[in-house]
Amino acid sequence: MTPRPGARRNRRPRPAGRVPGCSGVGAPGVRGWLVGNGADTLTVASLNVCCGLRNALPPLKERMAEVCAHIEGTDVDVLNLQEVWTPGLLALLRARLPSFPFLACGTGLSGRPAGGLAAFSRVPLGPAAYRSFRGTRARRGGVLHRAGAAANAALQGVLTYELTGLRTVVGTTHLTANRDGDWSPGNRHEALHLAQVRAVHRALRQARRPDIRLSVLAGDFNIPSSSGLYREILDGGGWRDPFAAADLPTFHAALLPDGARAYRVDYLLVHGDPERHPVTGTDRFLTEPVPTPSGPATHLSDHLGQLVRLRPPGAADD
């Protein structure tokens, strides 16, 4: 489910808003894991939680309770979620993730998390900003398609935020879905996706202050790794893709129509000196059906989750 587009046009980045607890605010009396003080690994995860109307999965609240229980038992330090479209879902996630007291998100219509993007962290968070994709447009297709794409783009964007004391910036995003399933050159979503990918990279460059040493970009790009736009996702090779070698799908094939192919459309990318800040591990999670209170085992989202383990910047870094 996506909120209705707003009337105001503003393509400039704005600070993440004050949905209660947003923009780096922690829960009273709770401390996050200070990765920079002695730990040598930073674990960043990403998941599209599937908050849309068109799915055959169990009720969202039931699924998210199971997702949060799984995450609480892991070594994840920073969790990036997409399709957190409602204040109610945001509140549920906050309640179910007690060891993640720090939150970054922007304020959308009626208090909704802007772009459906929210980041939960055990690490204290610094400045955050949200940039909408408003103004990115499809260049092909009929009038209705182009109008619908423009309206949808206004609802989505990119969220950036800093990890306090770690000289690290994280970005999370969710690009417009290509429901045609056609990613061939010249497809009617190509220009729209290209504009959105470039907007993502502009936002990350603007968030990267001179003393930033590491950047992580996570999200649902809705562009397969086999697409000609994959090189744009890597910004011409500026970003490392730790999942490239395996290139496994990030969408559950069992939830697709018969004969449809699952692709890798979600990414967790890394920018920074590979010698000083190497990727020490990668993994996928929620890969198998999970028992739920209301019925048999089921997938908790239509997407699989991804996580990456990194060596974060330390006091010895220049």
C-alpha atoms as a PDB file:
ATOM      1  CA  MET A   1       0.000   0.000   0.000  1.00  0.00           C
ATOM      2  CA  THR A   2       1.383   3.417  -0.910  1.00  0.00           C
ATOM      3  CA  PRO A   3       0.177   6.802   0.344  1.00  0.00           C
ATOM      4  CA  ARG A   4      -1.334   9.326  -2.020  1.00  0.00           C
ATOM      5  CA  PRO A   5       1.091  11.805  -3.591  1.00  0.00           C
ATOM      6  CA  GLY A   6       1.385  15.219  -2.013  1.00  0.00           C
ATOM      7  CA  ALA A   7       0.717  18.461  -3.818  1.00  0.00           C
ATOM      8  CA  ARG A   8       3.892  20.305  -2.881  1.00  0.00           C
ATOM      9  CA  ARG A   9       6.815  20.150  -5.299  1.00  0.00           C
ATOM     10  CA  ASN A  10      10.230  20.264  -3.675  1.00  0.00           C
ATOM     11  CA  ARG A  11      13.173  18.350  -5.071  1.00  0.00           C
ATOM     12  CA  ARG A  12      15.742  19.668  -2.589  1.00  0.00           C
ATOM     13  CA  PRO A  13      16.908  17.256   0.136  1.00  0.00           C
ATOM     14  CA  ARG A  14      15.395  17.969   3.519  1.00  0.00           C
ATOM     15  CA  PRO A  15      16.303  16.851   7.025  1.00  0.00           C
ATOM     16  CA  ALA A  16      14.667  13.643   8.188  1.00  0.00           C
ATOM     17  CA  GLY A  17      11.559  14.646  10.034  1.00  0.00           C
ATOM     18  CA  ARG A  18      10.204  14.122  13.486  1.00  0.00           C
ATOM     19  CA  VAL A  19       8.047  11.071  13.236  1.00  0.00           C
ATOM     20  CA  PRO A  20       8.427  10.318  16.978  1.00  0.00           C
ATOM     21  CA  GLY A  21      11.940   9.034  17.591  1.00  0.00           C
ATOM     22  CA  CYS A  22      13.200   9.737  14.075  1.00  0.00           C
ATOM     23  CA  SER A  23      16.490  11.204  12.966  1.00  0.00           C
ATOM     24  CA  GLY A  24      18.917   9.593  15.343  1.00  0.00           C
ATOM     25  CA  VAL A  25      16.935   9.767  18.581  1.00  0.00           C
ATOM     26  CA  GLY A  26      17.303   6.850  20.993  1.00  0.00           C
ATOM     27  CA  ALA A  27      14.883   5.426  23.501  1.00  0.00           C
ATOM     28  CA  PRO A  28      15.361   6.873  27.013  1.00  0.00           C
ATOM     29  CA  GLY A  29      17.723   4.864  29.161  1.00  0.00           C
ATOM     30  CA  VAL A  30      18.795   2.536  26.336  1.00  0.00           C
ATOM     31  CA  ARG A  31      22.259   2.508  24.813  1.00  0.00           C
ATOM     32  CA  GLY A  32      23.136   1.162  21.397  1.00  0.00           C
ATOM     33  CA  TRP A  33      26.104  -1.063  20.663  1.00  0.00           C
ATOM     34  CA  LEU A  34      29.084   1.248  20.344  1.00  0.00           C
ATOM     35  CA  VAL A  35      30.776  -0.548  17.463  1.00  0.00           C
ATOM     36  CA  GLY A  36      33.552   2.026  17.341  1.00  0.00           C
ATOM     37  CA  ASN A  37      34.646   1.268  20.926  1.00  0.00           C
ATOM     38  CA  GLY A  38      36.491  -2.021  20.605  1.00  0.00           C
ATOM     39  CA  ALA A  39      34.427  -3.996  18.077  1.00  0.00           C
ATOM     40  CA  ASP A  40      35.990  -4.678  14.699  1.00  0.00           C
ATOM     41  CA  THR A  41      32.850  -5.537  12.724  1.00  0.00           C
ATOM     42  CA  LEU A  42      29.899  -3.468  11.561  1.00  0.00           C
ATOM     43  CA  THR A  43      26.920  -5.501  10.324  1.00  0.00           C
ATOM     44  CA  VAL A  44      24.414  -3.743   8.068  1.00  0.00           C
ATOM     45  CA  ALA A  45      21.208  -5.435   6.872  1.00  0.00           C
ATOM     46  CA  SER A  46      18.411  -4.578   4.447  1.00  0.00           C
ATOM     47  CA  LEU A  47      14.895  -5.931   3.805  1.00  0.00           C
ATOM     48  CA  ASN A  48      11.775  -4.922   1.899  1.00  0.00           C
ATOM     49  CA  VAL A  49       9.043  -5.910   4.376  1.00  0.00           C
ATOM     50  CA  CYS A  50       6.250  -6.199   1.749  1.00  0.00           C
ATOM     51  CA  CYS A  51       3.609  -3.799   3.031  1.00  0.00           C
ATOM     52  CA  GLY A  52       1.659  -3.741  -0.249  1.00  0.00           C
ATOM     53  CA  LEU A  53      -1.964  -4.697  -0.743  1.00  0.00           C
ATOM     54  CA  ARG A  54      -1.282  -7.173  -3.533  1.00  0.00           C
ATOM     55  CA  ASN A  55       0.200 -10.201  -1.800  1.00  0.00           C
ATOM     56  CA  ALA A  56      -0.984 -13.546  -0.484  1.00  0.00           C
ATOM     57  CA  LEU A  57       1.145 -13.489   2.659  1.00  0.00           C
ATOM     58  CA  PRO A  58      -0.226 -13.627   6.227  1.00  0.00           C
ATOM     59  CA  PRO A  59      -1.222 -10.390   7.996  1.00  0.00           C
ATOM     60  CA  LEU A  60       1.568  -7.820   8.133  1.00  0.00           C
ATOM     61  CA  LYS A  61       1.622  -7.479  11.932  1.00  0.00           C
ATOM     62  CA  GLU A  62       2.017 -11.208  12.336  1.00  0.00           C
ATOM     63  CA  ARG A  63       4.839 -11.351   9.796  1.00  0.00           C
ATOM     64  CA  MET A  64       6.678  -8.376  11.269  1.00  0.00           C
ATOM     65  CA  ALA A  65       6.559  -9.884  14.769  1.00  0.00           C
ATOM     66  CA  GLU A  66       8.425 -12.889  13.384  1.00  0.00           C
ATOM     67  CA  VAL A  67      10.859 -10.725  11.402  1.00  0.00           C
ATOM     68  CA  CYS A  68      11.703  -8.651  14.475  1.00  0.00           C
ATOM     69  CA  ALA A  69      12.167 -11.746  16.640  1.00  0.00           C
ATOM     70  CA  HIS A  70      14.647 -13.068  14.087  1.00  0.00           C
ATOM     71  CA  ILE A  71      16.567  -9.784  13.842  1.00  0.00           C
ATOM     72  CA  GLU A  72      16.741  -9.374  17.615  1.00  0.00           C
ATOM     73  CA  GLY A  73      18.679 -12.636  17.801  1.00  0.00           C
ATOM     74  CA  THR A  74      21.342 -11.629  15.258  1.00  0.00           C
ATOM     75  CA  ASP A  75      24.521  -9.543  15.261  1.00  0.00           C
ATOM     76  CA  VAL A  76      22.973  -6.899  13.002  1.00  0.00           C
ATOM     77  CA  ASP A  77      23.972  -3.375  14.040  1.00  0.00           C
ATOM     78  CA  VAL A  78      21.992  -1.369  11.469  1.00  0.00           C
ATOM     79  CA  LEU A  79      18.735  -2.512   9.834  1.00  0.00           C
ATOM     80  CA  ASN A  80      17.382  -0.754   6.726  1.00  0.00           C
ATOM     81  CA  LEU A  81      13.735  -1.431   5.906  1.00  0.00           C
ATOM     82  CA  GLN A  82      11.677  -0.549   2.854  1.00  0.00           C
ATOM     83  CA  GLU A  83       7.848  -0.346   2.520  1.00  0.00           C
ATOM     84  CA  VAL A  84       7.326   0.907   6.075  1.00  0.00           C
ATOM     85  CA  TRP A  85       4.397   2.910   4.781  1.00  0.00           C
ATOM     86  CA  THR A  86       2.373   3.666   7.921  1.00  0.00           C
ATOM     87  CA  PRO A  87       2.954   5.222  11.358  1.00  0.00           C
ATOM     88  CA  GLY A  88       1.335   2.132  12.856  1.00  0.00           C
ATOM     89  CA  LEU A  89       3.863  -0.193  11.239  1.00  0.00           C
ATOM     90  CA  LEU A  90       6.708   2.072  12.334  1.00  0.00           C
ATOM     91  CA  ALA A  91       5.433   1.983  15.926  1.00  0.00           C
ATOM     92  CA  LEU A  92       5.079  -1.804  15.795  1.00  0.00           C
ATOM     93  CA  LEU A  93       8.651  -2.208  14.567  1.00  0.00           C
ATOM     94  CA  ARG A  94       9.994   0.117  17.269  1.00  0.00           C
ATOM     95  CA  ALA A  95       8.203  -1.880  19.945  1.00  0.00           C
ATOM     96  CA  ARG A  96       9.416  -5.208  18.580  1.00  0.00           C
ATOM     97  CA  LEU A  97      13.051  -4.108  18.140  1.00  0.00           C
ATOM     98  CA  PRO A  98      13.948  -3.032  21.693  1.00  0.00           C
ATOM     99  CA  SER A  99      17.701  -3.470  21.185  1.00  0.00           C
ATOM    100  CA  PHE A 100      17.596  -1.021  18.239  1.00  0.00           C
ATOM    101  CA  PRO A 101      16.841   2.246  20.076  1.00  0.00           C
ATOM    102  CA  PHE A 102      18.075   4.599  17.357  1.00  0.00           C
ATOM    103  CA  LEU A 103      15.878   5.429  14.375  1.00  0.00           C
ATOM    104  CA  ALA A 104      16.299   7.418  11.152  1.00  0.00           C
ATOM    105  CA  CYS A 105      13.406   8.260   8.854  1.00  0.00           C
ATOM    106  CA  GLY A 106      11.769  11.235   7.188  1.00  0.00           C
ATOM    107  CA  THR A 107       8.256  12.581   7.716  1.00  0.00           C
ATOM    108  CA  GLY A 108       5.846  11.965   4.856  1.00  0.00           C
ATOM    109  CA  LEU A 109       2.130  12.638   4.426  1.00  0.00           C
ATOM    110  CA  SER A 110       0.059  12.290   7.604  1.00  0.00           C
ATOM    111  CA  GLY A 111       3.147  11.326   9.583  1.00  0.00           C
ATOM    112  CA  ARG A 112       4.042   8.376   7.386  1.00  0.00           C
ATOM    113  CA  PRO A 113       7.736   7.496   7.051  1.00  0.00           C
ATOM    114  CA  ALA A 114       8.825   9.323   3.891  1.00  0.00           C
ATOM    115  CA  GLY A 115       9.393   6.944   1.010  1.00  0.00           C
ATOM    116  CA  GLY A 116       8.451   4.030   3.253  1.00  0.00           C
ATOM    117  CA  LEU A 117      12.084   4.055   4.448  1.00  0.00           C
ATOM    118  CA  ALA A 118      13.208   3.515   8.030  1.00  0.00           C
ATOM    119  CA  ALA A 119      16.547   2.558   9.580  1.00  0.00           C
ATOM    120  CA  PHE A 120      16.820   0.981  13.034  1.00  0.00           C
ATOM    121  CA  SER A 121      20.178   0.929  14.749  1.00  0.00           C
ATOM    122  CA  ARG A 122      22.050  -0.357  17.771  1.00  0.00           C
ATOM    123  CA  VAL A 123      24.650   2.282  16.910  1.00  0.00           C
ATOM    124  CA  PRO A 124      23.922   5.938  17.738  1.00  0.00           C
ATOM    125  CA  LEU A 125      22.910   7.890  14.654  1.00  0.00           C
ATOM    126  CA  GLY A 126      23.879  11.362  13.524  1.00  0.00           C
ATOM    127  CA  PRO A 127      22.355  13.685  10.906  1.00  0.00           C
ATOM    128  CA  ALA A 128      19.795  12.186   8.521  1.00  0.00           C
ATOM    129  CA  ALA A 129      18.136  13.544   5.364  1.00  0.00           C
ATOM    130  CA  TYR A 130      15.478  12.372   2.934  1.00  0.00           C
ATOM    131  CA  ARG A 131      15.375  13.224  -0.783  1.00  0.00           C
ATOM    132  CA  SER A 132      12.252  12.481  -2.831  1.00  0.00           C
ATOM    133  CA  PHE A 133      12.345  11.174  -6.405  1.00  0.00           C
ATOM    134  CA  ARG A 134       9.765  13.820  -7.304  1.00  0.00           C
ATOM    135  CA  GLY A 135      10.568  15.103 -10.777  1.00  0.00           C
ATOM    136  CA  THR A 136      11.966  11.837 -12.158  1.00  0.00           C
ATOM    137  CA  ARG A 137       9.836  10.746 -15.094  1.00  0.00           C
ATOM    138  CA  ALA A 138       9.206   7.947 -17.559  1.00  0.00           C
ATOM    139  CA  ARG A 139       9.976   8.981 -21.139  1.00  0.00           C
ATOM    140  CA  ARG A 140       8.134   6.154 -22.868  1.00  0.00           C
ATOM    141  CA  GLY A 141       4.676   4.627 -22.622  1.00  0.00           C
ATOM    142  CA  GLY A 142       1.217   6.125 -22.754  1.00  0.00           C
ATOM    143  CA  VAL A 143      -0.037   9.182 -20.910  1.00  0.00           C
ATOM    144  CA  LEU A 144      -1.537   7.137 -18.073  1.00  0.00           C
ATOM    145  CA  HIS A 145       1.679   5.197 -17.575  1.00  0.00           C
ATOM    146  CA  ARG A 146       3.799   8.341 -17.494  1.00  0.00           C
ATOM    147  CA  ALA A 147       1.390  10.099 -15.119  1.00  0.00           C
ATOM    148  CA  GLY A 148       1.265   7.095 -12.807  1.00  0.00           C
ATOM    149  CA  ALA A 149       5.054   6.787 -12.821  1.00  0.00           C
ATOM    150  CA  ALA A 150       5.436  10.474 -11.912  1.00  0.00           C
ATOM    151  CA  ALA A 151       2.945  10.155  -9.046  1.00  0.00           C
ATOM    152  CA  ASN A 152       4.666   7.046  -7.740  1.00  0.00           C
ATOM    153  CA  ALA A 153       8.100   8.656  -7.980  1.00  0.00           C
ATOM    154  CA  ALA A 154       6.910  11.472  -5.710  1.00  0.00           C
ATOM    155  CA  LEU A 155       6.222   8.879  -3.002  1.00  0.00           C
ATOM    156  CA  GLN A 156       9.656   7.288  -3.094  1.00  0.00           C
ATOM    157  CA  GLY A 157      13.205   8.438  -2.563  1.00  0.00           C
ATOM    158  CA  VAL A 158      16.425   7.920  -0.642  1.00  0.00           C
ATOM    159  CA  LEU A 159      17.229   8.281   3.067  1.00  0.00           C
ATOM    160  CA  THR A 160      20.796   9.015   4.204  1.00  0.00           C
ATOM    161  CA  TYR A 161      22.167   9.130   7.739  1.00  0.00           C
ATOM    162  CA  GLU A 162      25.451   8.986   9.641  1.00  0.00           C
ATOM    163  CA  LEU A 163      26.662   6.476  12.217  1.00  0.00           C
ATOM    164  CA  THR A 164      27.899   8.599  15.101  1.00  0.00           C
ATOM    165  CA  GLY A 165      31.614   8.372  15.726  1.00  0.00           C
ATOM    166  CA  LEU A 166      32.243   5.899  12.910  1.00  0.00           C
ATOM    167  CA  ARG A 167      32.787   8.292  10.011  1.00  0.00           C
ATOM    168  CA  THR A 168      30.279   6.183   8.098  1.00  0.00           C
ATOM    169  CA  VAL A 169      27.273   7.191   5.995  1.00  0.00           C
ATOM    170  CA  VAL A 170      24.448   4.800   5.143  1.00  0.00           C
ATOM    171  CA  GLY A 171      21.828   5.275   2.446  1.00  0.00           C
ATOM    172  CA  THR A 172      18.669   3.280   1.874  1.00  0.00           C
ATOM    173  CA  THR A 173      16.292   3.547  -1.062  1.00  0.00           C
ATOM    174  CA  HIS A 174      13.351   2.018  -2.890  1.00  0.00           C
ATOM    175  CA  LEU A 175      12.971   2.671  -6.612  1.00  0.00           C
ATOM    176  CA  THR A 176       9.734   2.526  -8.596  1.00  0.00           C
ATOM    177  CA  ALA A 177       8.613  -1.014  -9.401  1.00  0.00           C
ATOM    178  CA  ASN A 178       8.774  -2.246 -12.989  1.00  0.00           C
ATOM    179  CA  ARG A 179       5.610  -4.319 -13.049  1.00  0.00           C
ATOM    180  CA  ASP A 180       6.084  -5.052 -16.762  1.00  0.00           C
ATOM    181  CA  GLY A 181       8.950  -7.395 -15.924  1.00  0.00           C
ATOM    182  CA  ASP A 182      10.736  -6.016 -18.994  1.00  0.00           C
ATOM    183  CA  TRP A 183      14.255  -4.735 -18.374  1.00  0.00           C
ATOM    184  CA  SER A 184      15.423  -4.898 -21.977  1.00  0.00           C
ATOM    185  CA  PRO A 185      17.194  -1.812 -23.424  1.00  0.00           C
ATOM    186  CA  GLY A 186      14.704   0.960 -24.127  1.00  0.00           C
ATOM    187  CA  ASN A 187      11.956  -0.432 -21.854  1.00  0.00           C
ATOM    188  CA  ARG A 188       9.425   2.140 -20.712  1.00  0.00           C
ATOM    189  CA  HIS A 189      10.850   2.281 -17.148  1.00  0.00           C
ATOM    190  CA  GLU A 190      14.474   2.714 -18.184  1.00  0.00           C
ATOM    191  CA  ALA A 191      14.656   6.529 -18.197  1.00  0.00           C
ATOM    192  CA  LEU A 192      12.747   6.712 -14.916  1.00  0.00           C
ATOM    193  CA  HIS A 193      15.062   4.212 -13.240  1.00  0.00           C
ATOM    194  CA  LEU A 194      18.159   5.893 -14.604  1.00  0.00           C
ATOM    195  CA  ALA A 195      17.059   9.251 -13.170  1.00  0.00           C
ATOM    196  CA  GLN A 196      16.289   7.673  -9.801  1.00  0.00           C
ATOM    197  CA  VAL A 197      19.613   5.815  -9.592  1.00  0.00           C
ATOM    198  CA  ARG A 198      21.458   9.039 -10.347  1.00  0.00           C
ATOM    199  CA  ALA A 199      19.424  10.843  -7.681  1.00  0.00           C
ATOM    200  CA  VAL A 200      20.466   8.180  -5.174  1.00  0.00           C
ATOM    201  CA  HIS A 201      24.140   8.682  -5.944  1.00  0.00           C
ATOM    202  CA  ARG A 202      23.795  12.482  -5.735  1.00  0.00           C
ATOM    203  CA  ALA A 203      22.246  12.120  -2.290  1.00  0.00           C
ATOM    204  CA  LEU A 204      25.072   9.858  -1.083  1.00  0.00           C
ATOM    205  CA  ARG A 205      27.729  12.218  -2.420  1.00  0.00           C
ATOM    206  CA  GLN A 206      26.087  15.152  -0.656  1.00  0.00           C
ATOM    207  CA  ALA A 207      25.891  13.204   2.604  1.00  0.00           C
ATOM    208  CA  ARG A 208      29.573  12.220   2.444  1.00  0.00           C
ATOM    209  CA  ARG A 209      31.469  14.893   4.388  1.00  0.00           C
ATOM    210  CA  PRO A 210      35.266  15.162   3.871  1.00  0.00           C
ATOM    211  CA  ASP A 211      35.996  13.079   6.963  1.00  0.00           C
ATOM    212  CA  ILE A 212      33.664  10.210   5.962  1.00  0.00           C
ATOM    213  CA  ARG A 213      35.656   7.045   5.267  1.00  0.00           C
ATOM    214  CA  LEU A 214      32.960   4.441   4.588  1.00  0.00           C
ATOM    215  CA  SER A 215      29.576   4.483   2.847  1.00  0.00           C
ATOM    216  CA  VAL A 216      26.973   1.726   2.583  1.00  0.00           C
ATOM    217  CA  LEU A 217      24.015   1.787   0.198  1.00  0.00           C
ATOM    218  CA  ALA A 218      21.111  -0.606   0.733  1.00  0.00           C
ATOM    219  CA  GLY A 219      17.686  -1.089  -0.747  1.00  0.00           C
ATOM    220  CA  ASP A 220      15.243  -2.418  -3.277  1.00  0.00           C
ATOM    221  CA  PHE A 221      16.286  -1.006  -6.645  1.00  0.00           C
ATOM    222  CA  ASN A 222      13.734  -3.002  -8.677  1.00  0.00           C
ATOM    223  CA  ILE A 223      16.464  -3.407 -11.317  1.00  0.00           C
ATOM    224  CA  PRO A 224      18.012  -6.855 -11.885  1.00  0.00           C
ATOM    225  CA  SER A 225      21.760  -7.337 -11.915  1.00  0.00           C
ATOM    226  CA  SER A 226      21.429  -8.560 -15.519  1.00  0.00           C
ATOM    227  CA  SER A 227      20.105  -5.165 -16.624  1.00  0.00           C
ATOM    228  CA  GLY A 228      22.118  -2.634 -18.574  1.00  0.00           C
ATOM    229  CA  LEU A 229      21.484  -0.222 -15.695  1.00  0.00           C
ATOM    230  CA  TYR A 230      23.484  -2.366 -13.262  1.00  0.00           C
ATOM    231  CA  ARG A 231      26.647  -0.386 -14.046  1.00  0.00           C
ATOM    232  CA  GLU A 232      24.735   2.795 -13.161  1.00  0.00           C
ATOM    233  CA  ILE A 233      23.822   1.238  -9.812  1.00  0.00           C
ATOM    234  CA  LEU A 234      27.549   0.797  -9.176  1.00  0.00           C
ATOM    235  CA  ASP A 235      28.114   4.409 -10.309  1.00  0.00           C
ATOM    236  CA  GLY A 236      30.609   3.327 -12.931  1.00  0.00           C
ATOM    237  CA  GLY A 237      32.482   1.046 -10.533  1.00  0.00           C
ATOM    238  CA  GLY A 238      32.675   3.439  -7.593  1.00  0.00           C
ATOM    239  CA  TRP A 239      30.765   1.003  -5.372  1.00  0.00           C
ATOM    240  CA  ARG A 240      31.699  -2.552  -4.443  1.00  0.00           C
ATOM    241  CA  ASP A 241      28.995  -5.208  -4.777  1.00  0.00           C
ATOM    242  CA  PRO A 242      29.785  -7.982  -2.258  1.00  0.00           C
ATOM    243  CA  PHE A 243      26.963 -10.168  -3.617  1.00  0.00           C
ATOM    244  CA  ALA A 244      28.014  -9.981  -7.281  1.00  0.00           C
ATOM    245  CA  ALA A 245      29.935 -13.257  -7.418  1.00  0.00           C
ATOM    246  CA  ALA A 246      27.024 -15.395  -6.173  1.00  0.00           C
ATOM    247  CA  ASP A 247      24.370 -13.212  -7.879  1.00  0.00           C
ATOM    248  CA  LEU A 248      21.499 -15.025  -6.155  1.00  0.00           C
ATOM    249  CA  PRO A 249      17.884 -13.802  -6.465  1.00  0.00           C
ATOM    250  CA  THR A 250      16.507 -11.566  -3.722  1.00  0.00           C
ATOM    251  CA  PHE A 251      12.837 -12.245  -4.521  1.00  0.00           C
ATOM    252  CA  HIS A 252      11.111 -15.491  -3.583  1.00  0.00           C
ATOM    253  CA  ALA A 253      10.418 -17.393  -6.805  1.00  0.00           C
ATOM    254  CA  ALA A 254       7.574 -19.270  -5.089  1.00  0.00           C
ATOM    255  CA  LEU A 255       5.605 -16.010  -4.833  1.00  0.00           C
ATOM    256  CA  LEU A 256       5.885 -15.187  -8.534  1.00  0.00           C
ATOM    257  CA  PRO A 257       3.413 -16.277 -11.239  1.00  0.00           C
ATOM    258  CA  ASP A 258       4.131 -19.599 -12.900  1.00  0.00           C
ATOM    259  CA  GLY A 259       7.002 -19.319 -15.334  1.00  0.00           C
ATOM    260  CA  ALA A 260       8.261 -15.977 -13.983  1.00  0.00           C
ATOM    261  CA  ARG A 261      11.936 -15.716 -13.093  1.00  0.00           C
ATOM    262  CA  ALA A 262      13.290 -14.325  -9.829  1.00  0.00           C
ATOM    263  CA  TYR A 263      16.135 -11.805 -10.071  1.00  0.00           C
ATOM    264  CA  ARG A 264      18.554 -10.042  -7.771  1.00  0.00           C
ATOM    265  CA  VAL A 265      16.897  -6.631  -7.465  1.00  0.00           C
ATOM    266  CA  ASP A 266      18.029  -5.695  -3.944  1.00  0.00           C
ATOM    267  CA  TYR A 267      21.558  -4.481  -3.263  1.00  0.00           C
ATOM    268  CA  LEU A 268      23.938  -3.830  -0.391  1.00  0.00           C
ATOM    269  CA  LEU A 269      26.871  -1.835  -1.771  1.00  0.00           C
ATOM    270  CA  VAL A 270      30.044  -0.530  -0.160  1.00  0.00           C
ATOM    271  CA  HIS A 271      32.166   2.541  -0.907  1.00  0.00           C
ATOM    272  CA  GLY A 272      35.519   3.013   0.818  1.00  0.00           C
ATOM    273  CA  ASP A 273      39.112   1.807   0.899  1.00  0.00           C
ATOM    274  CA  PRO A 274      38.860  -1.998   0.456  1.00  0.00           C
ATOM    275  CA  GLU A 275      42.120  -2.541   2.322  1.00  0.00           C
ATOM    276  CA  ARG A 276      41.151  -0.564   5.414  1.00  0.00           C
ATOM    277  CA  HIS A 277      37.447  -1.408   5.327  1.00  0.00           C
ATOM    278  CA  PRO A 278      37.111  -4.857   3.790  1.00  0.00           C
ATOM    279  CA  VAL A 279      33.913  -6.859   3.565  1.00  0.00           C
ATOM    280  CA  THR A 280      34.431  -9.711   6.014  1.00  0.00           C
ATOM    281  CA  GLY A 281      31.187 -11.572   5.313  1.00  0.00           C
ATOM    282  CA  THR A 282      27.839 -11.580   3.538  1.00  0.00           C
ATOM    283  CA  ASP A 283      24.634 -13.485   4.075  1.00  0.00           C
ATOM    284  CA  ARG A 284      20.990 -13.657   3.126  1.00  0.00           C
ATOM    285  CA  PHE A 285      18.225 -14.132   5.674  1.00  0.00           C
ATOM    286  CA  LEU A 286      14.546 -15.135   5.696  1.00  0.00           C
ATOM    287  CA  THR A 287      15.370 -17.536   2.897  1.00  0.00           C
ATOM    288  CA  GLU A 288      12.935 -20.262   4.019  1.00  0.00           C
ATOM    289  CA  PRO A 289       9.286 -20.355   5.127  1.00  0.00           C
ATOM    290  CA  VAL A 290       8.728 -19.749   8.842  1.00  0.00           C
ATOM    291  CA  PRO A 291       5.861 -21.117  11.006  1.00  0.00           C
ATOM    292  CA  THR A 292       3.379 -18.438  12.073  1.00  0.00           C
ATOM    293  CA  PRO A 293       0.605 -18.481  14.691  1.00  0.00           C
ATOM    294  CA  SER A 294      -2.202 -18.272  12.112  1.00  0.00           C
ATOM    295  CA  GLY A 295      -1.211 -21.142   9.861  1.00  0.00           C
ATOM    296  CA  PRO A 296       1.470 -23.215   8.168  1.00  0.00           C
ATOM    297  CA  ALA A 297       5.006 -22.085   7.472  1.00  0.00           C
ATOM    298  CA  THR A 298       5.201 -19.135   5.106  1.00  0.00           C
ATOM    299  CA  HIS A 299       7.636 -16.561   3.781  1.00  0.00           C
ATOM    300  CA  LEU A 300       7.669 -13.414   5.924  1.00  0.00           C
ATOM    301  CA  SER A 301       8.192 -11.121   2.922  1.00  0.00           C
ATOM    302  CA  ASP A 302       8.261 -11.484  -0.833  1.00  0.00           C
ATOM    303  CA  HIS A 303      11.920 -10.354  -0.677  1.00  0.00           C
ATOM    304  CA  LEU A 304      14.877 -12.034   0.982  1.00  0.00           C
ATOM    305  CA  GLY A 305      16.997 -10.033   3.387  1.00  0.00           C
ATOM    306  CA  GLN A 306      20.681  -9.297   2.885  1.00  0.00           C
ATOM    307  CA  LEU A 307      23.435  -8.400   5.320  1.00  0.00           C
ATOM    308  CA  VAL A 308      27.074  -7.428   5.001  1.00  0.00           C
ATOM    309  CA  ARG A 309      29.825  -7.429   7.621  1.00  0.00           C
ATOM    310  CA  LEU A 310      32.495  -4.758   7.364  1.00  0.00           C
ATOM    311  CA  ARG A 311      35.516  -3.453   9.199  1.00  0.00           C
ATOM    312  CA  PRO A 312      34.408   0.071  10.199  1.00  0.00           C
ATOM    313  CA  PRO A 313      36.639   3.129  10.419  1.00  0.00           C
ATOM    314  CA  GLY A 314      38.544   3.378  13.691  1.00  0.00           C
ATOM    315  CA  ALA A 315      40.529   5.983  15.573  1.00  0.00           C
ATOM    316  CA  ALA A 316      43.682   5.060  13.621  1.00  0.00           C
ATOM    317  CA  ASP A 317      42.135   6.004  10.261  1.00  0.00           C
ATOM    318  CA  ASP A 318      43.253   9.278   8.740  1.00  0.00           C
END
